[in-house]
Amino acid sequence: MIEIAVFLYGLLAGCTLLIAQRNQQSARPNPAMVQAVGWGLISMSSILSVLLFALALAAAMGASGPLIETVTAI
């Protein structure tokens, strides 16, 4: 399941960056949908990085639980 999510994230990020780059070269503004997807990807990435950092910090401090054991076993 995680493979599908990573694939879709990469596909969305690649298409968004490609469209934004073509619009920049053509000196055109980005459509509202491209900006919305870009902001969504940025916010999802930053929230996920904060959550994973907190999980890593908890694991480093010796916390235990099913989520920490599952993630650190990977």
C-alpha atoms as a PDB file:
ATOM      1  CA  MET A   1       0.000   0.000   0.000  1.00  0.00           C
ATOM      2  CA  ILE A   2       2.836   2.382   0.790  1.00  0.00           C
ATOM      3  CA  GLU A   3       4.298   1.759  -2.658  1.00  0.00           C
ATOM      4  CA  ILE A   4       1.124   3.041  -4.300  1.00  0.00           C
ATOM      5  CA  ALA A   5       1.116   6.173  -2.127  1.00  0.00           C
ATOM      6  CA  VAL A   6       4.783   6.893  -2.927  1.00  0.00           C
ATOM      7  CA  PHE A   7       4.148   6.352  -6.634  1.00  0.00           C
ATOM      8  CA  LEU A   8       1.149   8.701  -6.652  1.00  0.00           C
ATOM      9  CA  TYR A   9       3.066  11.333  -4.671  1.00  0.00           C
ATOM     10  CA  GLY A  10       5.951  11.190  -7.139  1.00  0.00           C
ATOM     11  CA  LEU A  11       3.596  11.340 -10.095  1.00  0.00           C
ATOM     12  CA  LEU A  12       1.760  14.368  -8.695  1.00  0.00           C
ATOM     13  CA  ALA A  13       4.984  16.130  -7.756  1.00  0.00           C
ATOM     14  CA  GLY A  14       6.563  15.479 -11.151  1.00  0.00           C
ATOM     15  CA  CYS A  15       3.549  16.654 -13.121  1.00  0.00           C
ATOM     16  CA  THR A  16       3.131  19.738 -10.948  1.00  0.00           C
ATOM     17  CA  LEU A  17       6.782  20.726 -11.331  1.00  0.00           C
ATOM     18  CA  LEU A  18       6.702  20.074 -15.088  1.00  0.00           C
ATOM     19  CA  ILE A  19       3.620  22.242 -15.586  1.00  0.00           C
ATOM     20  CA  ALA A  20       5.013  25.008 -13.372  1.00  0.00           C
ATOM     21  CA  GLN A  21       8.318  24.983 -15.265  1.00  0.00           C
ATOM     22  CA  ARG A  22       6.593  25.195 -18.653  1.00  0.00           C
ATOM     23  CA  ASN A  23       4.424  28.059 -17.450  1.00  0.00           C
ATOM     24  CA  GLN A  24       7.488  29.890 -16.126  1.00  0.00           C
ATOM     25  CA  GLN A  25       9.313  29.501 -19.440  1.00  0.00           C
ATOM     26  CA  SER A  26       6.251  30.779 -21.290  1.00  0.00           C
ATOM     27  CA  ALA A  27       5.850  33.676 -18.808  1.00  0.00           C
ATOM     28  CA  ARG A  28       2.307  32.569 -17.971  1.00  0.00           C
ATOM     29  CA  PRO A  29       0.750  32.345 -14.521  1.00  0.00           C
ATOM     30  CA  ASN A  30       0.032  28.925 -13.056  1.00  0.00           C
ATOM     31  CA  PRO A  31      -3.587  27.772 -13.004  1.00  0.00           C
ATOM     32  CA  ALA A  32      -5.305  27.684  -9.622  1.00  0.00           C
ATOM     33  CA  MET A  33      -5.406  23.862  -9.631  1.00  0.00           C
ATOM     34  CA  VAL A  34      -1.642  23.587 -10.130  1.00  0.00           C
ATOM     35  CA  GLN A  35      -1.034  25.995  -7.267  1.00  0.00           C
ATOM     36  CA  ALA A  36      -3.471  24.115  -5.036  1.00  0.00           C
ATOM     37  CA  VAL A  37      -1.802  20.768  -5.738  1.00  0.00           C
ATOM     38  CA  GLY A  38       1.627  22.306  -5.155  1.00  0.00           C
ATOM     39  CA  TRP A  39       0.610  23.789  -1.804  1.00  0.00           C
ATOM     40  CA  GLY A  40      -1.031  20.502  -0.846  1.00  0.00           C
ATOM     41  CA  LEU A  41       2.144  18.572  -1.607  1.00  0.00           C
ATOM     42  CA  ILE A  42       4.258  21.050   0.350  1.00  0.00           C
ATOM     43  CA  SER A  43       1.987  20.918   3.385  1.00  0.00           C
ATOM     44  CA  MET A  44       1.727  17.118   3.276  1.00  0.00           C
ATOM     45  CA  SER A  45       5.509  16.789   3.060  1.00  0.00           C
ATOM     46  CA  SER A  46       6.164  19.168   5.930  1.00  0.00           C
ATOM     47  CA  ILE A  47       3.565  17.573   8.221  1.00  0.00           C
ATOM     48  CA  LEU A  48       4.888  14.102   7.448  1.00  0.00           C
ATOM     49  CA  SER A  49       8.471  15.187   8.168  1.00  0.00           C
ATOM     50  CA  VAL A  50       7.469  16.656  11.548  1.00  0.00           C
ATOM     51  CA  LEU A  51       5.551  13.509  12.483  1.00  0.00           C
ATOM     52  CA  LEU A  52       8.386  11.199  11.474  1.00  0.00           C
ATOM     53  CA  PHE A  53      10.894  13.362  13.369  1.00  0.00           C
ATOM     54  CA  ALA A  54       8.731  13.134  16.490  1.00  0.00           C
ATOM     55  CA  LEU A  55       8.471   9.367  16.052  1.00  0.00           C
ATOM     56  CA  ALA A  56      12.250   9.050  15.641  1.00  0.00           C
ATOM     57  CA  LEU A  57      12.835  11.231  18.698  1.00  0.00           C
ATOM     58  CA  ALA A  58      10.449   9.129  20.770  1.00  0.00           C
ATOM     59  CA  ALA A  59      12.172   5.940  19.630  1.00  0.00           C
ATOM     60  CA  ALA A  60      15.585   7.405  20.437  1.00  0.00           C
ATOM     61  CA  MET A  61      14.414   8.333  23.927  1.00  0.00           C
ATOM     62  CA  GLY A  62      13.338   4.757  24.579  1.00  0.00           C
ATOM     63  CA  ALA A  63       9.576   4.985  24.169  1.00  0.00           C
ATOM     64  CA  SER A  64       7.801   1.808  23.223  1.00  0.00           C
ATOM     65  CA  GLY A  65       4.537   1.095  21.526  1.00  0.00           C
ATOM     66  CA  PRO A  66       3.129  -0.767  18.560  1.00  0.00           C
ATOM     67  CA  LEU A  67       3.607   2.141  16.139  1.00  0.00           C
ATOM     68  CA  ILE A  68       7.213   2.780  17.132  1.00  0.00           C
ATOM     69  CA  GLU A  69       8.086  -0.919  16.969  1.00  0.00           C
ATOM     70  CA  THR A  70       6.437  -1.262  13.566  1.00  0.00           C
ATOM     71  CA  VAL A  71       8.221   1.731  12.041  1.00  0.00           C
ATOM     72  CA  THR A  72      11.638   0.960  13.519  1.00  0.00           C
ATOM     73  CA  ALA A  73      11.398  -2.672  12.319  1.00  0.00           C
ATOM     74  CA  ILE A  74      11.302  -1.496   8.693  1.00  0.00           C
END
